[in-house]
Protein backbone atom coordinates (compact mmCIF):
# COMPACT_ATOMS: atom_id res chain seq x y z
CA MET A 1 -10.34 6.15 15.76
CA PHE A 2 -10.76 3.30 13.26
CA LYS A 3 -12.36 5.65 10.71
CA LEU A 4 -9.31 7.90 10.95
CA ILE A 5 -6.96 4.96 10.39
CA ALA A 6 -9.06 3.40 7.61
CA THR A 7 -9.27 6.72 5.74
CA VAL A 8 -5.61 7.57 6.46
CA LEU A 9 -6.39 10.82 8.25
CA GLY A 10 -9.33 11.59 5.94
CA ILE A 11 -7.68 10.95 2.56
CA GLY A 12 -10.36 8.33 1.84
CA TYR A 13 -13.01 11.05 1.64
CA ALA A 14 -11.20 12.73 -1.28
CA LYS A 15 -12.02 12.04 -4.91
CA GLY A 16 -9.54 9.43 -6.13
CA GLY A 17 -8.65 8.62 -2.54
CA GLY A 18 -6.82 5.39 -3.42
CA THR A 19 -4.41 7.17 -5.74
CA VAL A 20 -4.05 10.07 -3.31
CA ALA A 21 -3.20 7.62 -0.50
CA ALA A 22 -0.61 5.82 -2.65
CA VAL A 23 0.96 9.17 -3.60
CA ALA A 24 0.95 10.22 0.06
CA CYS A 25 2.78 7.00 0.95
CA CYS A 26 5.41 7.71 -1.73
CA LEU A 27 5.78 11.28 -0.51
CA GLY A 28 6.16 10.08 3.07
CA LEU A 29 8.85 7.58 2.05
CA TYR A 30 10.68 10.24 0.06
CA LEU A 31 10.54 12.82 2.85
CA ALA A 32 11.64 10.27 5.45
CA GLN A 33 14.67 9.39 3.37
CA ALA A 34 15.45 13.05 2.65
CA GLY A 35 15.25 13.65 6.40
CA GLY A 36 17.86 10.98 7.02
CA VAL A 37 15.55 8.23 8.26
CA VAL A 38 17.17 4.89 7.44
CA LEU A 39 15.42 1.69 8.49
CA SER A 40 17.04 -1.72 8.61
CA ALA A 41 15.42 -4.67 6.87
CA GLY A 42 14.18 -5.89 10.26
CA GLN A 43 12.67 -2.51 11.12
CA GLN A 44 10.96 -2.35 7.73
CA GLY A 45 9.59 -5.85 8.31
CA LEU A 46 8.21 -4.96 11.73
CA LEU A 47 6.63 -1.76 10.42
CA THR A 48 5.08 -3.72 7.57
CA LEU A 49 3.54 -6.25 9.95
CA ALA A 50 2.23 -3.46 12.19
CA LEU A 51 0.73 -1.60 9.22
CA LEU A 52 -0.93 -4.77 7.93
CA ALA A 53 -2.35 -5.66 11.34
CA LEU A 54 -3.62 -2.13 12.04
CA GLY A 55 -5.04 -1.77 8.53
CA THR A 56 -6.81 -5.13 8.70
CA LEU A 57 -8.34 -4.28 12.07
CA ALA A 58 -9.46 -0.81 10.94
CA ALA A 59 -10.95 -2.15 7.69
CA GLN A 60 -12.78 -4.84 9.64
CA ARG A 61 -14.20 -2.35 12.14
CA VAL A 62 -15.56 0.11 9.54
CA GLU A 63 -17.04 -2.59 7.32
CA SER A 64 -20.24 -2.67 9.39
CA LEU A 65 -20.61 1.10 8.87
CA TRP A 66 -19.59 1.49 5.23
CA GLY A 67 -19.96 -1.96 3.69
CA LYS A 68 -17.42 -4.35 2.19
CA ASP A 69 -14.26 -2.63 0.87
CA SER A 70 -15.67 0.91 0.85
CA TYR A 71 -13.95 3.48 -1.35
CA ARG A 72 -13.33 5.45 1.87
CA VAL A 73 -10.95 2.77 3.16
CA VAL A 74 -7.52 3.63 1.77
CA ILE A 75 -5.23 2.17 4.42
CA ASP A 76 -5.01 -0.82 2.09
CA GLU A 77 -3.49 1.35 -0.64
CA VAL A 78 -0.91 2.70 1.79
CA ALA A 79 -0.06 -0.82 2.91
CA GLY A 80 0.14 -2.09 -0.66
CA MET A 81 2.33 0.80 -1.75
CA TRP A 82 4.55 0.25 1.30
CA VAL A 83 4.93 -3.43 0.37
CA GLY A 84 5.68 -2.39 -3.20
CA MET A 85 8.64 -0.27 -2.05
CA LEU A 86 9.86 -2.64 0.66
CA LEU A 87 13.66 -3.02 0.58
CA ILE A 88 13.94 -1.00 -2.62
CA PRO A 89 16.72 1.62 -2.50
CA LEU A 90 14.62 4.74 -2.95
CA THR A 91 15.10 7.24 -5.75
CA GLY A 92 12.58 9.49 -7.45
CA PRO A 93 12.36 7.32 -10.58
CA ARG A 94 11.94 4.14 -8.50
CA LEU A 95 9.15 5.70 -6.44
CA LEU A 96 7.41 6.87 -9.62
CA ALA A 97 7.78 3.44 -11.25
CA GLY A 98 6.52 1.81 -8.06
CA LEU A 99 3.50 4.09 -7.94
CA VAL A 100 2.59 3.42 -11.58
CA LEU A 101 3.07 -0.35 -11.23
CA PHE A 102 1.15 -0.53 -7.96
CA ARG A 103 -1.81 1.46 -9.27
CA PHE A 104 -1.86 -0.70 -12.43
CA PHE A 105 -1.99 -3.93 -10.41
CA ASP A 106 -4.46 -2.45 -7.92
CA ILE A 107 -6.88 -1.21 -10.59
CA VAL A 108 -6.62 -3.98 -13.22
CA LYS A 109 -6.24 -6.79 -10.63
CA PRO A 110 -4.54 -9.44 -12.82
CA LEU A 111 -2.76 -12.59 -11.62
CA SER A 112 -5.26 -13.66 -8.93
CA ILE A 113 -5.32 -10.25 -7.22
CA ARG A 114 -9.11 -10.05 -7.64
CA LYS A 115 -9.52 -13.40 -5.86
CA MET A 116 -8.04 -11.88 -2.70
CA GLU A 117 -11.07 -9.60 -2.40
CA ALA A 118 -13.20 -12.66 -1.67
CA LEU A 119 -11.37 -13.24 1.60
CA PRO A 120 -13.53 -12.29 4.60
CA GLY A 121 -13.59 -8.90 6.33
CA GLY A 122 -10.55 -6.74 6.71
CA VAL A 123 -8.28 -9.48 5.37
CA GLY A 124 -9.99 -9.31 1.98
CA VAL A 125 -9.78 -5.53 1.95
CA MET A 126 -6.04 -5.59 2.61
CA MET A 127 -4.82 -8.66 0.74
CA ASP A 128 -5.62 -7.60 -2.82
CA ASP A 129 -3.48 -4.49 -2.29
CA VAL A 130 -0.76 -6.47 -0.54
CA LEU A 131 -0.57 -8.84 -3.52
CA ALA A 132 -0.51 -5.87 -5.92
CA GLY A 133 2.34 -4.48 -3.80
CA LEU A 134 4.16 -7.81 -3.90
CA TYR A 135 4.01 -7.94 -7.71
CA THR A 136 5.19 -4.32 -7.81
CA ASN A 137 8.06 -5.14 -5.48
CA LEU A 138 9.20 -8.14 -7.51
CA LEU A 139 9.24 -6.13 -10.74
CA LEU A 140 11.08 -3.22 -9.10
CA HIS A 141 13.71 -5.52 -7.60
CA ALA A 142 14.24 -7.09 -11.03
CA ALA A 143 14.51 -3.67 -12.70
CA VAL A 144 17.00 -2.46 -10.10
CA ARG A 145 19.15 -5.60 -10.38
CA LEU A 146 19.11 -5.44 -14.18
CA GLY A 147 20.12 -1.78 -14.09
CA TYR A 148 16.93 -0.35 -15.56
CA LEU A 149 16.20 1.77 -12.47
């Protein structure tokens, strides 16, 4: 069960699994909105906490099998992308900008993101992506408020 969660239904086995997982998250958000799913800020917050808790637990459980922060574990990318889009009014351009920003922060790891990887177990696996998502979210909120997106 934890392998399925950690790999986000097997996406982690694909080449470029981190990017594929982030794109899948964006697609899921887009389809949910197109389907009329509207979540309040409180609901988004609760879902975020649940995703972070489940992702941390799954990453922790598979670490003994696959090693520290295995490429197969992509639940952290989904969580980071989710955080990146949290409370952002969704449009195609905003999702695309969010995806590009998130992947930049996740790959380059500036601004203390890399330091988060040193945290123990599943927390370390998740927190670098959560911080990348937070930076993404702050930039997107600024761009939306300034009228750029």
